[in-house]
Amino acid sequence: MQTSRPWRRVEKLGYDVPVWDFRCPGVTSISADVHKYGYSVKGASVIVYKSEEYRKFQIYSYGSWPGGLYGSPSMAGTRPGGNIAAAWAAMKSLGEEGYMDRARTLMDITDRLKKGIMETEVDLSACVLNPLF
């Protein structure tokens, strides 16, 4: 498994999921909140770009700052390193297999929920259902 393609993990497990990554026309970046999906603390997020060419547009620079030219990969500027260190530790601790196990569990739960909903006697015609159903 290529580490540059983490979004294909659920596909690797054999689940039929819609393509939502760089294979989609027009997708140039993908961001993820590591505190939501990576089992880390709030304040750690990642963004990956389809090409290094797109990354240059993320850099913020300000030339009129009294301290001279100011440049940062985000408008917020300097941030403490604790959150990203915690995210790194969580990812290293779980590893690919840990995340794969969690993805498998979540997809199995999703399948059971979808099956249960479809087996109900409730009229779902007024509901807008996800195309995954």
C-alpha atoms as a PDB file:
ATOM      1  CA  MET A   1       0.000   0.000   0.000  1.00  0.00           C
ATOM      2  CA  GLN A   2       1.387   3.365  -0.956  1.00  0.00           C
ATOM      3  CA  THR A   3       1.455   5.774   1.960  1.00  0.00           C
ATOM      4  CA  SER A   4       0.613   8.613  -0.425  1.00  0.00           C
ATOM      5  CA  ARG A   5      -2.879   7.168  -0.957  1.00  0.00           C
ATOM      6  CA  PRO A   6      -4.435   6.742   2.491  1.00  0.00           C
ATOM      7  CA  TRP A   7      -7.964   7.397   1.200  1.00  0.00           C
ATOM      8  CA  ARG A   8      -7.958   3.996  -0.537  1.00  0.00           C
ATOM      9  CA  ARG A   9      -7.939   2.068   2.741  1.00  0.00           C
ATOM     10  CA  VAL A  10     -11.670   1.307   2.715  1.00  0.00           C
ATOM     11  CA  GLU A  11     -11.412   0.159  -0.901  1.00  0.00           C
ATOM     12  CA  LYS A  12      -8.537  -2.091   0.175  1.00  0.00           C
ATOM     13  CA  LEU A  13     -10.923  -3.719   2.671  1.00  0.00           C
ATOM     14  CA  GLY A  14     -13.215  -4.634  -0.233  1.00  0.00           C
ATOM     15  CA  TYR A  15     -16.053  -2.194   0.370  1.00  0.00           C
ATOM     16  CA  ASP A  16     -17.780  -0.656  -2.624  1.00  0.00           C
ATOM     17  CA  VAL A  17     -17.442   3.065  -1.963  1.00  0.00           C
ATOM     18  CA  PRO A  18     -17.766   5.970  -4.372  1.00  0.00           C
ATOM     19  CA  VAL A  19     -14.555   7.475  -5.662  1.00  0.00           C
ATOM     20  CA  TRP A  20     -13.914  10.742  -3.812  1.00  0.00           C
ATOM     21  CA  ASP A  21     -10.197  11.289  -4.136  1.00  0.00           C
ATOM     22  CA  PHE A  22      -7.752  12.666  -6.705  1.00  0.00           C
ATOM     23  CA  ARG A  23      -9.252  10.361  -9.311  1.00  0.00           C
ATOM     24  CA  CYS A  24     -12.255  12.729  -9.411  1.00  0.00           C
ATOM     25  CA  PRO A  25     -11.904  15.467 -12.009  1.00  0.00           C
ATOM     26  CA  GLY A  26     -11.228  18.835 -10.418  1.00  0.00           C
ATOM     27  CA  VAL A  27     -10.094  17.532  -7.005  1.00  0.00           C
ATOM     28  CA  THR A  28      -6.783  19.236  -6.264  1.00  0.00           C
ATOM     29  CA  SER A  29      -6.561  18.931  -2.470  1.00  0.00           C
ATOM     30  CA  ILE A  30      -7.910  16.767   0.324  1.00  0.00           C
ATOM     31  CA  SER A  31      -7.969  17.832   3.954  1.00  0.00           C
ATOM     32  CA  ALA A  32      -8.720  15.843   7.076  1.00  0.00           C
ATOM     33  CA  ASP A  33      -9.140  16.762  10.699  1.00  0.00           C
ATOM     34  CA  VAL A  34      -6.867  14.328  12.497  1.00  0.00           C
ATOM     35  CA  HIS A  35      -8.795  14.891  15.714  1.00  0.00           C
ATOM     36  CA  LYS A  36     -11.916  13.459  14.069  1.00  0.00           C
ATOM     37  CA  TYR A  37     -10.573  10.595  12.014  1.00  0.00           C
ATOM     38  CA  GLY A  38      -7.098  10.032  13.395  1.00  0.00           C
ATOM     39  CA  TYR A  39      -7.931   9.606  17.086  1.00  0.00           C
ATOM     40  CA  SER A  40      -5.910  12.652  18.068  1.00  0.00           C
ATOM     41  CA  VAL A  41      -6.456  15.903  19.937  1.00  0.00           C
ATOM     42  CA  LYS A  42      -8.167  18.967  18.459  1.00  0.00           C
ATOM     43  CA  GLY A  43      -5.995  21.342  16.533  1.00  0.00           C
ATOM     44  CA  ALA A  44      -4.248  18.899  14.220  1.00  0.00           C
ATOM     45  CA  SER A  45      -5.283  18.777  10.587  1.00  0.00           C
ATOM     46  CA  VAL A  46      -3.614  17.664   7.401  1.00  0.00           C
ATOM     47  CA  ILE A  47      -3.921  18.655   3.781  1.00  0.00           C
ATOM     48  CA  VAL A  48      -2.516  16.837   0.794  1.00  0.00           C
ATOM     49  CA  TYR A  49      -2.274  18.223  -2.693  1.00  0.00           C
ATOM     50  CA  LYS A  50      -2.574  16.441  -5.995  1.00  0.00           C
ATOM     51  CA  SER A  51       0.514  18.272  -7.138  1.00  0.00           C
ATOM     52  CA  GLU A  52       3.222  20.354  -5.516  1.00  0.00           C
ATOM     53  CA  GLU A  53       2.106  23.107  -7.904  1.00  0.00           C
ATOM     54  CA  TYR A  54      -1.085  23.640  -5.880  1.00  0.00           C
ATOM     55  CA  ARG A  55       0.689  23.901  -2.523  1.00  0.00           C
ATOM     56  CA  LYS A  56       2.251  27.246  -3.380  1.00  0.00           C
ATOM     57  CA  PHE A  57      -1.189  28.856  -3.145  1.00  0.00           C
ATOM     58  CA  GLN A  58      -1.438  27.911   0.542  1.00  0.00           C
ATOM     59  CA  ILE A  59       1.562  29.996   1.615  1.00  0.00           C
ATOM     60  CA  TYR A  60       0.596  33.281   3.251  1.00  0.00           C
ATOM     61  CA  SER A  61       3.051  36.141   3.133  1.00  0.00           C
ATOM     62  CA  TYR A  62       2.862  39.665   4.475  1.00  0.00           C
ATOM     63  CA  GLY A  63       5.468  42.249   3.569  1.00  0.00           C
ATOM     64  CA  SER A  64       4.372  45.172   5.771  1.00  0.00           C
ATOM     65  CA  TRP A  65       4.903  43.505   9.122  1.00  0.00           C
ATOM     66  CA  PRO A  66       7.187  45.620  11.361  1.00  0.00           C
ATOM     67  CA  GLY A  67       9.472  42.620  11.872  1.00  0.00           C
ATOM     68  CA  GLY A  68      10.084  42.200   8.153  1.00  0.00           C
ATOM     69  CA  LEU A  69       8.702  39.746   5.647  1.00  0.00           C
ATOM     70  CA  TYR A  70       6.331  37.307   7.337  1.00  0.00           C
ATOM     71  CA  GLY A  71       5.583  33.965   5.711  1.00  0.00           C
ATOM     72  CA  SER A  72       3.588  31.012   6.956  1.00  0.00           C
ATOM     73  CA  PRO A  73       1.811  27.968   5.511  1.00  0.00           C
ATOM     74  CA  SER A  74      -1.358  29.217   7.243  1.00  0.00           C
ATOM     75  CA  MET A  75      -2.872  32.591   8.073  1.00  0.00           C
ATOM     76  CA  ALA A  76      -2.815  31.650  11.756  1.00  0.00           C
ATOM     77  CA  GLY A  77       0.965  31.569  11.642  1.00  0.00           C
ATOM     78  CA  THR A  78       2.985  29.991  14.391  1.00  0.00           C
ATOM     79  CA  ARG A  79       1.311  27.212  16.329  1.00  0.00           C
ATOM     80  CA  PRO A  80       2.449  25.107  19.247  1.00  0.00           C
ATOM     81  CA  GLY A  81       3.813  21.708  18.245  1.00  0.00           C
ATOM     82  CA  GLY A  82       2.039  19.652  20.916  1.00  0.00           C
ATOM     83  CA  ASN A  83      -1.064  18.939  18.847  1.00  0.00           C
ATOM     84  CA  ILE A  84       0.806  17.755  15.791  1.00  0.00           C
ATOM     85  CA  ALA A  85       3.155  15.714  17.989  1.00  0.00           C
ATOM     86  CA  ALA A  86       0.121  14.043  19.603  1.00  0.00           C
ATOM     87  CA  ALA A  87      -1.327  13.338  16.148  1.00  0.00           C
ATOM     88  CA  TRP A  88       1.958  11.785  15.048  1.00  0.00           C
ATOM     89  CA  ALA A  89       2.057   9.632  18.198  1.00  0.00           C
ATOM     90  CA  ALA A  90      -1.541   8.440  17.660  1.00  0.00           C
ATOM     91  CA  MET A  91      -0.834   7.522  14.054  1.00  0.00           C
ATOM     92  CA  LYS A  92       2.396   5.727  14.916  1.00  0.00           C
ATOM     93  CA  SER A  93       0.701   3.897  17.788  1.00  0.00           C
ATOM     94  CA  LEU A  94      -2.276   2.662  15.740  1.00  0.00           C
ATOM     95  CA  GLY A  95      -0.374   2.079  12.519  1.00  0.00           C
ATOM     96  CA  GLU A  96      -2.000   1.092   9.268  1.00  0.00           C
ATOM     97  CA  GLU A  97      -3.462  -2.102  10.703  1.00  0.00           C
ATOM     98  CA  GLY A  98      -5.042  -0.218  13.614  1.00  0.00           C
ATOM     99  CA  TYR A  99      -6.725   2.204  11.252  1.00  0.00           C
ATOM    100  CA  MET A 100      -7.754  -0.636   8.942  1.00  0.00           C
ATOM    101  CA  ASP A 101      -9.378  -2.468  11.871  1.00  0.00           C
ATOM    102  CA  ARG A 102     -11.297   0.656  12.854  1.00  0.00           C
ATOM    103  CA  ALA A 103     -12.375   1.304   9.266  1.00  0.00           C
ATOM    104  CA  ARG A 104     -13.585  -2.294   8.958  1.00  0.00           C
ATOM    105  CA  THR A 105     -15.566  -1.988  12.201  1.00  0.00           C
ATOM    106  CA  LEU A 106     -17.169   1.295  11.098  1.00  0.00           C
ATOM    107  CA  MET A 107     -18.057  -0.046   7.645  1.00  0.00           C
ATOM    108  CA  ASP A 108     -19.590  -3.197   9.179  1.00  0.00           C
ATOM    109  CA  ILE A 109     -21.690  -1.053  11.533  1.00  0.00           C
ATOM    110  CA  THR A 110     -22.750   1.123   8.590  1.00  0.00           C
ATOM    111  CA  ASP A 111     -23.827  -1.952   6.621  1.00  0.00           C
ATOM    112  CA  ARG A 112     -25.851  -3.266   9.578  1.00  0.00           C
ATOM    113  CA  LEU A 113     -27.535   0.117  10.058  1.00  0.00           C
ATOM    114  CA  LYS A 114     -28.416   0.391   6.357  1.00  0.00           C
ATOM    115  CA  LYS A 115     -29.820  -3.143   6.358  1.00  0.00           C
ATOM    116  CA  GLY A 116     -31.872  -2.445   9.479  1.00  0.00           C
ATOM    117  CA  ILE A 117     -33.292   0.758   8.038  1.00  0.00           C
ATOM    118  CA  MET A 118     -34.227  -0.924   4.772  1.00  0.00           C
ATOM    119  CA  GLU A 119     -36.001  -3.740   6.685  1.00  0.00           C
ATOM    120  CA  THR A 120     -38.237  -1.374   8.666  1.00  0.00           C
ATOM    121  CA  GLU A 121     -41.936  -1.026   7.975  1.00  0.00           C
ATOM    122  CA  VAL A 122     -41.571   2.752   7.919  1.00  0.00           C
ATOM    123  CA  ASP A 123     -42.422   4.553   4.687  1.00  0.00           C
ATOM    124  CA  LEU A 124     -39.111   6.082   3.655  1.00  0.00           C
ATOM    125  CA  SER A 125     -40.437   7.686   0.463  1.00  0.00           C
ATOM    126  CA  ALA A 126     -40.295  11.163   2.013  1.00  0.00           C
ATOM    127  CA  CYS A 127     -36.681  10.704   3.064  1.00  0.00           C
ATOM    128  CA  VAL A 128     -33.755  11.714   0.951  1.00  0.00           C
ATOM    129  CA  LEU A 129     -31.521   8.685   1.116  1.00  0.00           C
ATOM    130  CA  ASN A 130     -27.828   8.657   0.525  1.00  0.00           C
ATOM    131  CA  PRO A 131     -26.974   7.102  -2.860  1.00  0.00           C
ATOM    132  CA  LEU A 132     -24.948   4.508  -0.988  1.00  0.00           C
ATOM    133  CA  PHE A 133     -28.199   2.808   0.080  1.00  0.00           C
END
